[in-house]
N, C-alpha and C. Protein backbone atom coordinates (compact mmCIF):
# COMPACT_ATOMS: atom_id res chain seq x y z
N MET A 1 29.53 10.43 -64.09
CA MET A 1 29.81 9.23 -63.46
C MET A 1 28.84 8.99 -62.19
N GLU A 2 28.11 7.88 -62.14
CA GLU A 2 27.17 7.69 -61.12
C GLU A 2 27.73 6.98 -60.06
N ARG A 3 27.27 7.27 -58.82
CA ARG A 3 27.83 6.53 -57.61
C ARG A 3 26.96 5.36 -57.42
N ALA A 4 27.57 4.24 -56.91
CA ALA A 4 26.86 3.00 -56.61
C ALA A 4 25.99 3.15 -55.64
N THR A 5 26.12 4.01 -54.47
CA THR A 5 25.25 4.12 -53.44
C THR A 5 25.13 5.62 -53.21
N PRO A 6 23.85 6.09 -53.05
CA PRO A 6 23.71 7.56 -52.90
C PRO A 6 24.18 8.08 -51.54
N ILE A 7 24.68 9.32 -51.53
CA ILE A 7 25.00 9.85 -50.42
C ILE A 7 23.95 10.21 -49.54
N PRO A 8 23.84 9.82 -48.07
CA PRO A 8 22.78 10.15 -47.32
C PRO A 8 22.49 11.58 -47.14
N SER A 9 21.26 12.05 -47.21
CA SER A 9 20.92 13.47 -46.99
C SER A 9 21.25 13.95 -45.58
N ARG A 10 21.26 15.20 -45.33
CA ARG A 10 21.45 15.80 -44.01
C ARG A 10 20.47 15.33 -43.03
N ARG A 11 19.08 15.39 -43.58
CA ARG A 11 17.98 15.01 -42.86
C ARG A 11 18.07 13.51 -42.36
N ARG A 12 18.49 12.68 -43.24
CA ARG A 12 18.66 11.22 -42.93
C ARG A 12 19.85 11.03 -41.91
N LEU A 13 20.87 11.85 -42.00
CA LEU A 13 21.92 11.79 -40.95
C LEU A 13 21.38 12.15 -39.52
N LEU A 14 20.68 13.29 -39.65
CA LEU A 14 20.07 13.77 -38.32
C LEU A 14 19.19 12.80 -37.66
N MET A 15 18.24 12.08 -38.47
CA MET A 15 17.37 11.18 -38.06
C MET A 15 18.15 9.98 -37.44
N GLY A 16 19.18 9.51 -38.14
CA GLY A 16 19.89 8.46 -37.59
C GLY A 16 20.63 8.84 -36.20
N ALA A 17 21.18 10.06 -36.11
CA ALA A 17 21.78 10.50 -34.92
C ALA A 17 20.71 10.50 -33.67
N ALA A 18 19.64 10.94 -33.98
CA ALA A 18 18.44 10.93 -33.05
C ALA A 18 18.04 9.63 -32.58
N LEU A 19 18.06 8.75 -33.47
CA LEU A 19 17.65 7.26 -33.09
C LEU A 19 18.67 6.65 -32.35
N ALA A 20 20.04 7.06 -32.53
CA ALA A 20 21.16 6.50 -31.75
C ALA A 20 20.94 6.81 -30.23
N THR A 21 20.43 7.86 -30.07
CA THR A 21 20.31 8.43 -28.64
C THR A 21 19.13 7.82 -27.80
N VAL A 22 18.18 7.24 -28.50
CA VAL A 22 16.95 6.44 -27.89
C VAL A 22 17.47 5.29 -27.19
N PRO A 23 17.14 5.07 -25.97
CA PRO A 23 17.54 3.77 -25.29
C PRO A 23 16.96 2.65 -26.00
N SER A 24 17.84 1.62 -26.06
CA SER A 24 17.40 0.44 -26.79
C SER A 24 16.12 -0.27 -26.22
N ALA A 25 15.82 -0.16 -24.92
CA ALA A 25 14.61 -0.61 -24.40
C ALA A 25 13.41 -0.07 -24.89
N LEU A 26 13.50 1.22 -25.38
CA LEU A 26 12.50 1.83 -26.06
C LEU A 26 12.01 1.42 -27.41
N LEU A 27 13.25 1.14 -28.07
CA LEU A 27 13.11 0.51 -29.53
C LEU A 27 12.70 -0.93 -29.47
N ALA A 28 12.74 -1.59 -28.42
CA ALA A 28 12.36 -3.07 -28.40
C ALA A 28 10.89 -3.28 -28.46
N GLY A 29 10.12 -2.22 -28.27
CA GLY A 29 8.62 -2.34 -28.38
C GLY A 29 8.07 -3.25 -27.23
N ALA A 30 7.42 -4.23 -27.70
CA ALA A 30 6.58 -5.21 -26.89
C ALA A 30 7.63 -5.89 -25.87
N ARG A 31 8.81 -5.97 -26.37
CA ARG A 31 9.87 -6.86 -25.56
C ARG A 31 10.33 -6.05 -24.37
N ALA A 32 10.16 -4.71 -24.29
CA ALA A 32 10.59 -3.93 -23.15
C ALA A 32 9.64 -4.29 -22.00
N GLU A 33 10.13 -4.60 -20.87
CA GLU A 33 9.41 -4.89 -19.67
C GLU A 33 9.26 -3.63 -18.74
N ALA A 34 8.09 -3.33 -18.16
CA ALA A 34 7.95 -2.28 -17.28
C ALA A 34 8.70 -2.66 -16.00
N ARG A 35 9.26 -1.55 -15.35
CA ARG A 35 9.87 -1.86 -13.94
C ARG A 35 8.65 -2.01 -12.96
N PRO A 36 8.86 -2.89 -11.89
CA PRO A 36 7.84 -2.98 -10.95
C PRO A 36 7.67 -1.71 -10.24
N GLN A 37 6.36 -1.50 -9.81
CA GLN A 37 6.07 -0.23 -9.08
C GLN A 37 6.57 -0.44 -7.65
N VAL A 38 6.95 0.65 -6.99
CA VAL A 38 7.31 0.64 -5.68
C VAL A 38 6.24 0.38 -4.65
N VAL A 39 5.02 1.05 -4.85
CA VAL A 39 3.95 0.93 -4.00
C VAL A 39 2.80 0.06 -4.69
N ASP A 40 2.00 -0.56 -3.80
CA ASP A 40 0.88 -1.32 -4.43
C ASP A 40 -0.39 -0.44 -4.58
N TYR A 41 -0.50 0.71 -3.82
CA TYR A 41 -1.65 1.47 -3.92
C TYR A 41 -1.09 2.75 -4.57
N PRO A 42 -1.51 3.16 -5.75
CA PRO A 42 -0.77 4.22 -6.44
C PRO A 42 -0.68 5.58 -5.71
N SER A 43 -1.66 6.01 -5.08
CA SER A 43 -1.39 7.35 -4.45
C SER A 43 -0.71 7.26 -3.06
N ALA A 44 -0.14 6.10 -2.65
CA ALA A 44 0.57 6.01 -1.49
C ALA A 44 2.07 6.54 -1.61
N GLU A 45 2.58 6.93 -0.46
CA GLU A 45 4.03 7.22 -0.48
C GLU A 45 4.83 6.17 0.17
N TRP A 46 5.88 5.74 -0.37
CA TRP A 46 6.69 4.46 0.22
C TRP A 46 7.52 5.07 1.22
N GLN A 47 7.29 4.45 2.45
CA GLN A 47 7.95 4.67 3.69
C GLN A 47 8.17 3.41 4.31
N PRO A 48 9.31 2.73 3.84
CA PRO A 48 9.41 1.26 4.19
C PRO A 48 9.71 0.96 5.61
N ALA A 49 9.22 -0.14 6.31
CA ALA A 49 9.50 -0.42 7.49
C ALA A 49 10.82 -1.27 7.36
N SER A 50 11.42 -1.45 8.54
CA SER A 50 12.68 -2.11 8.64
C SER A 50 12.35 -3.57 8.20
N THR A 51 13.29 -4.09 7.47
CA THR A 51 13.15 -5.57 7.11
C THR A 51 13.09 -6.47 8.29
N SER A 52 13.53 -6.12 9.46
CA SER A 52 13.29 -6.95 10.62
C SER A 52 12.04 -6.79 11.23
N ASN A 53 11.07 -6.16 10.68
CA ASN A 53 9.74 -6.04 11.35
C ASN A 53 8.62 -6.69 10.46
N TYR A 54 8.90 -7.42 9.54
CA TYR A 54 7.92 -8.22 8.65
C TYR A 54 8.53 -9.33 8.00
N THR A 55 7.75 -10.14 7.51
CA THR A 55 8.14 -11.52 6.97
C THR A 55 8.02 -11.35 5.41
N PRO A 56 9.04 -11.55 4.57
CA PRO A 56 8.77 -11.48 3.13
C PRO A 56 8.05 -12.74 2.76
N SER A 57 7.16 -12.53 1.76
CA SER A 57 6.23 -13.71 1.24
C SER A 57 5.96 -13.30 -0.09
N ASN A 58 4.95 -14.15 -0.55
CA ASN A 58 4.54 -14.06 -1.98
C ASN A 58 3.07 -14.31 -2.07
N ARG A 59 2.34 -13.40 -1.21
CA ARG A 59 0.89 -13.41 -1.11
C ARG A 59 0.31 -12.76 -2.46
N PRO A 60 -0.85 -13.32 -2.89
CA PRO A 60 -1.85 -14.25 -2.27
C PRO A 60 -1.38 -15.68 -2.61
N THR A 61 -0.26 -15.97 -3.34
CA THR A 61 0.13 -17.35 -3.61
C THR A 61 0.39 -18.12 -2.40
N ALA A 62 1.24 -17.58 -1.55
CA ALA A 62 1.71 -18.37 -0.28
C ALA A 62 0.54 -18.44 0.68
N TYR A 63 -0.18 -17.35 0.78
CA TYR A 63 -1.41 -17.34 1.88
C TYR A 63 -2.55 -16.62 1.11
N PRO A 64 -3.67 -17.09 1.27
CA PRO A 64 -4.79 -16.17 0.71
C PRO A 64 -4.98 -14.94 1.62
N LEU A 65 -5.52 -13.96 0.93
CA LEU A 65 -5.89 -12.74 1.66
C LEU A 65 -7.31 -12.56 1.84
N ASP A 66 -7.79 -12.68 3.16
CA ASP A 66 -9.22 -12.65 3.55
C ASP A 66 -9.75 -11.53 4.31
N TYR A 67 -8.82 -10.70 4.91
CA TYR A 67 -9.29 -9.62 5.73
C TYR A 67 -8.38 -8.34 5.54
N VAL A 68 -9.16 -7.27 5.91
CA VAL A 68 -8.51 -5.93 6.12
C VAL A 68 -8.60 -5.65 7.58
N VAL A 69 -7.53 -5.34 8.41
CA VAL A 69 -7.52 -5.15 9.76
C VAL A 69 -7.28 -3.72 10.03
N VAL A 70 -8.35 -3.02 10.61
CA VAL A 70 -8.21 -1.49 10.89
C VAL A 70 -7.64 -1.40 12.26
N HIS A 71 -6.74 -0.53 12.39
CA HIS A 71 -5.91 -0.10 13.60
C HIS A 71 -6.01 1.37 13.86
N VAL A 72 -5.71 1.74 15.08
CA VAL A 72 -5.60 3.12 15.45
C VAL A 72 -4.05 3.19 16.14
N THR A 73 -3.29 4.07 15.75
CA THR A 73 -1.89 4.00 16.05
C THR A 73 -1.55 4.20 17.58
N GLN A 74 -2.35 4.99 18.21
CA GLN A 74 -2.04 5.56 19.65
C GLN A 74 -0.62 6.23 19.47
N GLU A 75 -0.26 6.84 18.47
CA GLU A 75 0.82 7.56 18.23
C GLU A 75 0.48 8.49 17.08
N THR A 76 1.58 9.50 16.82
CA THR A 76 1.38 10.42 15.78
C THR A 76 1.73 9.65 14.51
N TYR A 77 1.41 10.14 13.27
CA TYR A 77 1.85 9.59 12.03
C TYR A 77 3.40 9.56 12.07
N ALA A 78 4.00 10.42 12.24
CA ALA A 78 5.46 10.50 12.10
C ALA A 78 6.25 9.56 13.21
N ASP A 79 5.57 9.45 14.36
CA ASP A 79 6.13 8.45 15.36
C ASP A 79 5.81 7.08 14.85
N THR A 80 4.77 6.83 14.36
CA THR A 80 4.43 5.46 13.80
C THR A 80 5.34 4.95 12.73
N LEU A 81 5.72 5.89 11.77
CA LEU A 81 6.65 5.58 10.77
C LEU A 81 8.05 5.30 11.34
N SER A 82 8.33 6.03 12.31
CA SER A 82 9.69 5.86 13.04
C SER A 82 9.72 4.45 13.80
N ILE A 83 8.59 4.12 14.44
CA ILE A 83 8.50 2.88 15.13
C ILE A 83 8.78 1.64 14.03
N PHE A 84 8.03 1.85 12.91
CA PHE A 84 8.00 0.78 11.91
C PHE A 84 9.47 0.68 11.26
N ARG A 85 10.28 1.75 11.23
CA ARG A 85 11.59 1.80 10.78
C ARG A 85 12.62 1.20 11.71
N ASP A 86 12.26 1.20 13.02
CA ASP A 86 13.15 0.79 14.06
C ASP A 86 13.27 -0.84 14.02
N PRO A 87 14.38 -1.33 13.75
CA PRO A 87 14.49 -2.80 13.76
C PRO A 87 14.33 -3.47 14.99
N ARG A 88 14.35 -2.86 16.07
CA ARG A 88 14.13 -3.41 17.54
C ARG A 88 12.51 -3.56 17.76
N SER A 89 11.76 -2.81 17.12
CA SER A 89 10.26 -2.62 17.36
C SER A 89 9.45 -4.02 17.27
N GLN A 90 9.79 -4.82 16.16
CA GLN A 90 9.24 -6.00 15.91
C GLN A 90 7.68 -5.85 15.67
N VAL A 91 7.38 -4.61 14.93
CA VAL A 91 5.96 -4.45 14.53
C VAL A 91 5.97 -3.50 13.19
N SER A 92 5.01 -3.78 12.49
CA SER A 92 4.77 -3.01 11.21
C SER A 92 3.19 -3.13 10.76
N ALA A 93 2.84 -2.42 9.87
CA ALA A 93 1.50 -2.55 9.10
C ALA A 93 1.80 -2.26 7.66
N HIS A 94 0.98 -2.71 6.83
CA HIS A 94 1.02 -2.39 5.42
C HIS A 94 0.99 -0.79 5.21
N TYR A 95 0.07 -0.22 5.69
CA TYR A 95 -0.31 1.19 5.45
C TYR A 95 -0.44 2.02 6.79
N VAL A 96 -0.20 3.30 6.70
CA VAL A 96 -0.45 4.22 7.71
C VAL A 96 -1.14 5.37 7.13
N VAL A 97 -2.37 5.89 7.62
CA VAL A 97 -3.26 7.01 7.12
C VAL A 97 -3.07 8.13 8.07
N ARG A 98 -2.64 9.33 7.50
CA ARG A 98 -2.54 10.53 8.31
C ARG A 98 -3.91 11.10 8.61
N SER A 99 -4.12 11.64 9.87
CA SER A 99 -5.23 12.23 10.22
C SER A 99 -5.70 13.53 9.45
N SER A 100 -4.83 14.44 9.41
CA SER A 100 -5.07 15.80 8.96
C SER A 100 -5.61 15.80 7.56
N ASP A 101 -5.07 14.91 6.59
CA ASP A 101 -5.32 15.07 5.10
C ASP A 101 -5.60 13.76 4.53
N GLY A 102 -5.50 12.56 5.26
CA GLY A 102 -5.79 11.37 4.71
C GLY A 102 -4.64 10.81 3.97
N HIS A 103 -3.44 11.53 3.89
CA HIS A 103 -2.35 10.99 3.08
C HIS A 103 -1.88 9.59 3.57
N VAL A 104 -1.76 8.73 2.56
CA VAL A 104 -1.43 7.21 2.82
C VAL A 104 0.09 6.98 2.74
N ALA A 105 0.76 6.29 3.57
CA ALA A 105 2.07 5.89 3.52
C ALA A 105 1.92 4.21 3.38
N GLN A 106 2.83 3.65 2.46
CA GLN A 106 2.84 2.26 2.50
C GLN A 106 4.14 1.87 3.14
N CYS A 107 4.23 0.99 4.06
CA CYS A 107 5.41 0.58 4.80
C CYS A 107 5.87 -0.79 4.54
N VAL A 108 4.88 -1.70 4.10
CA VAL A 108 5.23 -3.10 3.76
C VAL A 108 4.46 -3.46 2.41
N ARG A 109 5.12 -4.19 1.55
CA ARG A 109 4.49 -4.65 0.35
C ARG A 109 3.24 -5.49 0.66
N GLU A 110 2.13 -5.45 -0.04
CA GLU A 110 1.01 -6.26 0.18
C GLU A 110 1.38 -7.91 0.22
N ALA A 111 2.26 -8.10 -0.74
CA ALA A 111 2.79 -9.46 -0.94
C ALA A 111 3.44 -10.08 0.38
N ASP A 112 4.01 -9.15 1.25
CA ASP A 112 4.61 -9.53 2.44
C ASP A 112 3.69 -9.54 3.67
N VAL A 113 4.21 -10.36 4.67
CA VAL A 113 3.33 -10.47 5.99
C VAL A 113 3.85 -9.40 6.88
N ALA A 114 2.99 -8.32 7.15
CA ALA A 114 3.32 -7.36 8.21
C ALA A 114 2.95 -7.86 9.47
N TRP A 115 3.66 -7.48 10.68
CA TRP A 115 3.42 -8.01 11.94
C TRP A 115 2.53 -6.87 12.64
N HIS A 116 1.23 -7.08 12.52
CA HIS A 116 0.27 -6.01 13.11
C HIS A 116 -0.84 -6.61 13.91
N ALA A 117 -1.25 -7.80 13.64
CA ALA A 117 -2.51 -8.32 14.21
C ALA A 117 -2.23 -9.00 15.61
N GLY A 118 -1.00 -9.42 15.94
CA GLY A 118 -0.81 -10.13 17.15
C GLY A 118 -1.22 -11.52 16.99
N ASN A 119 -1.43 -12.07 15.82
CA ASN A 119 -1.96 -13.41 15.60
C ASN A 119 -1.38 -13.78 14.16
N TRP A 120 -0.48 -14.97 14.29
CA TRP A 120 0.25 -15.12 13.02
C TRP A 120 -0.64 -15.58 11.98
N ASP A 121 -1.72 -16.33 12.24
CA ASP A 121 -2.73 -16.81 11.09
C ASP A 121 -3.35 -15.60 10.47
N TYR A 122 -3.70 -14.55 11.37
CA TYR A 122 -4.34 -13.37 10.78
C TYR A 122 -3.34 -12.45 10.03
N ASN A 123 -2.09 -12.31 10.48
CA ASN A 123 -1.03 -11.63 9.87
C ASN A 123 -0.94 -12.12 8.48
N THR A 124 -0.94 -13.49 8.28
CA THR A 124 -0.62 -14.11 6.99
C THR A 124 -1.89 -13.78 6.02
N ARG A 125 -3.05 -13.57 6.52
CA ARG A 125 -4.26 -13.62 5.77
C ARG A 125 -4.81 -12.24 5.61
N SER A 126 -4.05 -11.15 6.19
CA SER A 126 -4.69 -9.74 6.19
C SER A 126 -3.69 -8.70 5.68
N ILE A 127 -4.39 -7.59 5.35
CA ILE A 127 -3.64 -6.23 5.11
C ILE A 127 -4.00 -5.49 6.34
N GLY A 128 -3.00 -4.73 6.91
CA GLY A 128 -3.14 -4.02 8.19
C GLY A 128 -3.03 -2.54 7.74
N ILE A 129 -3.92 -1.75 8.23
CA ILE A 129 -3.98 -0.42 8.00
C ILE A 129 -4.19 0.34 9.25
N GLU A 130 -2.95 1.10 9.62
CA GLU A 130 -3.01 1.89 10.87
C GLU A 130 -3.58 3.31 10.54
N HIS A 131 -4.30 3.96 11.41
CA HIS A 131 -4.74 5.26 11.30
C HIS A 131 -4.26 6.19 12.41
N GLU A 132 -3.67 7.31 12.09
CA GLU A 132 -3.16 8.27 13.10
C GLU A 132 -4.17 8.53 14.05
N GLY A 133 -3.83 8.47 15.28
CA GLY A 133 -4.79 8.83 16.28
C GLY A 133 -4.88 8.13 17.64
N TRP A 134 -5.71 8.36 18.41
CA TRP A 134 -5.98 7.79 19.73
C TRP A 134 -7.44 7.42 19.74
N VAL A 135 -7.62 6.23 20.38
CA VAL A 135 -8.91 5.59 20.37
C VAL A 135 -9.98 6.43 21.24
N ASP A 136 -9.41 7.16 22.06
CA ASP A 136 -10.42 8.14 22.85
C ASP A 136 -10.44 9.58 22.44
N ARG A 137 -9.88 9.77 21.24
CA ARG A 137 -9.84 11.19 20.68
C ARG A 137 -10.43 11.35 19.47
N PRO A 138 -11.78 11.45 19.38
CA PRO A 138 -12.39 11.39 17.97
C PRO A 138 -12.01 12.45 17.02
N ALA A 139 -11.48 13.46 17.54
CA ALA A 139 -11.07 14.37 16.49
C ALA A 139 -10.12 14.08 15.58
N TYR A 140 -9.29 12.93 15.87
CA TYR A 140 -8.34 12.42 14.86
C TYR A 140 -9.14 11.62 13.83
N PHE A 141 -10.29 11.30 13.96
CA PHE A 141 -11.11 10.57 12.98
C PHE A 141 -11.72 11.63 11.97
N THR A 142 -10.93 12.25 11.11
CA THR A 142 -11.34 13.36 10.26
C THR A 142 -12.15 12.72 9.09
N ASP A 143 -12.85 13.59 8.29
CA ASP A 143 -13.40 13.25 7.13
C ASP A 143 -12.41 12.67 6.20
N ALA A 144 -11.26 13.36 6.23
CA ALA A 144 -10.26 12.95 5.09
C ALA A 144 -9.69 11.62 5.37
N LEU A 145 -9.40 11.30 6.74
CA LEU A 145 -8.94 10.00 7.15
C LEU A 145 -9.89 9.01 6.78
N TYR A 146 -11.15 9.07 7.08
CA TYR A 146 -12.16 8.14 6.70
C TYR A 146 -12.22 7.86 5.20
N GLU A 147 -12.40 8.94 4.47
CA GLU A 147 -12.51 8.83 3.01
C GLU A 147 -11.33 8.28 2.37
N GLN A 148 -10.07 8.65 2.71
CA GLN A 148 -8.87 8.15 2.00
C GLN A 148 -8.61 6.63 2.50
N SER A 149 -8.84 6.36 3.73
CA SER A 149 -8.77 4.96 4.13
C SER A 149 -9.71 3.99 3.49
N ALA A 150 -11.10 4.50 3.43
CA ALA A 150 -12.10 3.77 2.69
C ALA A 150 -11.68 3.45 1.22
N ARG A 151 -11.12 4.43 0.53
CA ARG A 151 -10.65 4.12 -0.80
C ARG A 151 -9.55 3.07 -0.84
N LEU A 152 -8.57 3.25 -0.02
CA LEU A 152 -7.61 2.30 0.18
C LEU A 152 -8.16 0.88 0.39
N THR A 153 -9.13 0.70 1.39
CA THR A 153 -9.56 -0.57 1.73
C THR A 153 -10.46 -1.12 0.59
N ALA A 154 -11.15 -0.24 -0.23
CA ALA A 154 -12.01 -0.73 -1.31
C ALA A 154 -11.02 -1.30 -2.46
N ALA A 155 -9.93 -0.43 -2.61
CA ALA A 155 -9.01 -1.07 -3.61
C ALA A 155 -8.52 -2.42 -3.25
N ILE A 156 -8.02 -2.57 -2.01
CA ILE A 156 -7.52 -3.80 -1.45
C ILE A 156 -8.60 -4.89 -1.65
N CYS A 157 -9.81 -4.74 -1.34
CA CYS A 157 -10.80 -5.58 -1.38
C CYS A 157 -11.02 -6.04 -2.86
N THR A 158 -11.00 -5.10 -3.69
CA THR A 158 -11.30 -5.39 -5.14
C THR A 158 -10.05 -6.18 -5.73
N THR A 159 -8.86 -5.82 -5.37
CA THR A 159 -7.68 -6.57 -5.80
C THR A 159 -7.77 -8.07 -5.43
N TYR A 160 -8.05 -8.23 -4.23
CA TYR A 160 -7.97 -9.74 -3.78
C TYR A 160 -9.29 -10.38 -3.52
N GLY A 161 -10.41 -9.79 -4.00
CA GLY A 161 -11.71 -10.53 -3.78
C GLY A 161 -12.20 -10.55 -2.50
N ILE A 162 -11.84 -9.71 -1.62
CA ILE A 162 -12.34 -9.70 -0.15
C ILE A 162 -13.62 -8.91 -0.13
N PRO A 163 -14.53 -9.66 0.52
CA PRO A 163 -16.00 -9.00 0.51
C PRO A 163 -15.83 -7.71 1.42
N LYS A 164 -16.69 -6.63 0.84
CA LYS A 164 -16.50 -5.31 1.49
C LYS A 164 -17.60 -5.38 2.71
N ASP A 165 -17.40 -6.10 3.71
CA ASP A 165 -18.36 -6.19 4.71
C ASP A 165 -17.71 -6.25 6.06
N ARG A 166 -18.44 -6.30 7.15
CA ARG A 166 -17.76 -6.31 8.59
C ARG A 166 -17.23 -7.67 8.99
N ALA A 167 -17.62 -8.56 8.19
CA ALA A 167 -16.99 -9.97 8.57
C ALA A 167 -15.60 -10.03 8.05
N HIS A 168 -15.18 -9.23 7.06
CA HIS A 168 -13.92 -9.19 6.39
C HIS A 168 -13.05 -7.98 6.53
N ILE A 169 -13.68 -6.93 7.00
CA ILE A 169 -13.07 -5.73 7.31
C ILE A 169 -13.28 -5.44 8.88
N ILE A 170 -12.36 -5.85 9.55
CA ILE A 170 -12.45 -5.90 10.91
C ILE A 170 -11.42 -4.94 11.78
N GLY A 171 -11.77 -4.82 13.09
CA GLY A 171 -10.94 -4.09 13.83
C GLY A 171 -9.94 -4.98 14.53
N HIS A 172 -8.89 -4.20 15.02
CA HIS A 172 -7.75 -4.99 15.76
C HIS A 172 -8.28 -5.85 16.85
N HIS A 173 -9.20 -5.22 17.53
CA HIS A 173 -9.69 -5.83 18.81
C HIS A 173 -10.61 -7.12 18.40
N GLU A 174 -11.02 -7.33 17.18
CA GLU A 174 -11.64 -8.46 16.74
C GLU A 174 -10.88 -9.65 16.21
N VAL A 175 -9.49 -9.46 16.24
CA VAL A 175 -8.42 -10.59 16.02
C VAL A 175 -8.44 -11.52 17.08
N PRO A 176 -8.71 -12.84 16.93
CA PRO A 176 -8.72 -13.70 18.02
C PRO A 176 -7.34 -13.72 18.76
N GLY A 177 -7.50 -13.62 20.23
CA GLY A 177 -6.30 -13.54 21.01
C GLY A 177 -5.74 -12.14 21.25
N SER A 178 -6.36 -11.11 20.53
CA SER A 178 -5.89 -9.73 20.76
C SER A 178 -6.06 -9.24 22.07
N ASP A 179 -5.23 -8.37 22.61
CA ASP A 179 -5.49 -7.69 23.88
C ASP A 179 -5.66 -6.15 23.53
N HIS A 180 -5.80 -5.86 22.29
CA HIS A 180 -5.88 -4.46 21.78
C HIS A 180 -7.43 -4.02 21.88
N THR A 181 -7.57 -2.77 21.92
CA THR A 181 -9.04 -2.18 21.92
C THR A 181 -9.31 -1.38 20.63
N ASP A 182 -8.27 -1.18 19.70
CA ASP A 182 -8.41 -0.38 18.64
C ASP A 182 -9.22 -1.04 17.49
N PRO A 183 -10.05 -0.30 16.72
CA PRO A 183 -10.05 1.14 16.60
C PRO A 183 -10.92 1.84 17.61
N GLY A 184 -11.55 1.06 18.58
CA GLY A 184 -12.30 1.72 19.81
C GLY A 184 -13.69 1.98 19.48
N PRO A 185 -14.39 2.23 20.38
CA PRO A 185 -15.80 2.64 20.24
C PRO A 185 -16.32 3.80 19.51
N LEU A 186 -15.40 4.76 19.31
CA LEU A 186 -15.57 5.93 18.61
C LEU A 186 -15.40 5.89 17.03
N TRP A 187 -14.85 4.78 16.69
CA TRP A 187 -14.75 4.57 15.25
C TRP A 187 -16.07 4.35 14.64
N ASP A 188 -16.45 4.96 13.60
CA ASP A 188 -17.84 4.83 13.05
C ASP A 188 -17.80 3.78 12.02
N TRP A 189 -18.02 2.46 12.30
CA TRP A 189 -18.03 1.47 11.44
C TRP A 189 -19.02 1.57 10.36
N SER A 190 -20.36 1.96 10.76
CA SER A 190 -21.36 2.13 9.67
C SER A 190 -20.92 3.10 8.51
N ARG A 191 -20.35 4.23 8.93
CA ARG A 191 -19.93 5.24 7.90
C ARG A 191 -18.71 4.56 7.12
N TYR A 192 -17.79 3.95 7.85
CA TYR A 192 -16.73 3.41 7.21
C TYR A 192 -16.95 2.49 6.17
N ILE A 193 -17.83 1.50 6.45
CA ILE A 193 -18.23 0.37 5.47
C ILE A 193 -19.10 1.01 4.37
N ARG A 194 -19.96 1.94 4.60
CA ARG A 194 -20.54 2.58 3.63
C ARG A 194 -19.60 3.34 2.63
N LEU A 195 -18.72 3.98 3.13
CA LEU A 195 -17.58 4.67 2.25
C LEU A 195 -16.80 3.73 1.45
N VAL A 196 -16.56 2.56 2.12
CA VAL A 196 -15.71 1.52 1.23
C VAL A 196 -16.62 1.08 0.19
N ASN A 197 -17.86 0.82 0.36
CA ASN A 197 -18.76 0.18 -0.69
C ASN A 197 -18.99 1.31 -1.77
N PHE A 198 -18.96 2.57 -1.51
CA PHE A 198 -19.17 3.57 -2.57
C PHE A 198 -17.87 4.14 -3.02
N ALA A 199 -16.70 3.72 -2.69
CA ALA A 199 -15.50 4.31 -3.15
C ALA A 199 -15.26 3.78 -4.60
C-alpha cells in the first residue's frame, strides 16, 4: 500500500529545524533593514555628551554644513569627556582626539548641533573637533594626533562636500566673536591641511 504523502527524511527534518532557529529578519532578505550605526566615523568610540550640552537636529537638512572647527581642549582627554558628560557644563564637541595615539571619541552625532564654537550660527554650520592638549605645549601635537584628526576631517569634508582648505577648516579663534585662542600659534596648519588633502 502506498502513502499519499512521503515521510520526510531525517535530513529534511534537520534542515527544517535549523531554519526555524534563523531569525525572521535574516530570512526576509531585502526587506530586512540595517540598524543605524552608533557613530558617524567608523573608527570612533561612542562617548556621548549629556543631552543638556547640545541641540538635537537633522543636519544637513536643517542647516548646511560648511566648516570644520579645530579646537585644543586645554584639558586631558579624560577630563574633556567628563566635562561633556556633565549636564551643567553647557559645552560639547562632536569629536575628541587623544594626543598619545590619535584615538577618536565621538560625543555628539554629526546631525546634531554641538555647543563648541561660541557662535550659534557657526555651531549650526560646523563640526567641532577637540584635540587633547594645551596651546602652549607642542608635545601634545603628536604625529598620531595630526594624522588621525586629518583622516577624520577629510572624511567629514568628503561626506558633506566641505572644501578641504583653510577657508573651511578653521581654528576656534577664527570664529566671529570668539574670545578663544585655540588651536594656537603652535598648531601646524600647513601640515594639517596637507594631511587632510592626502588622507
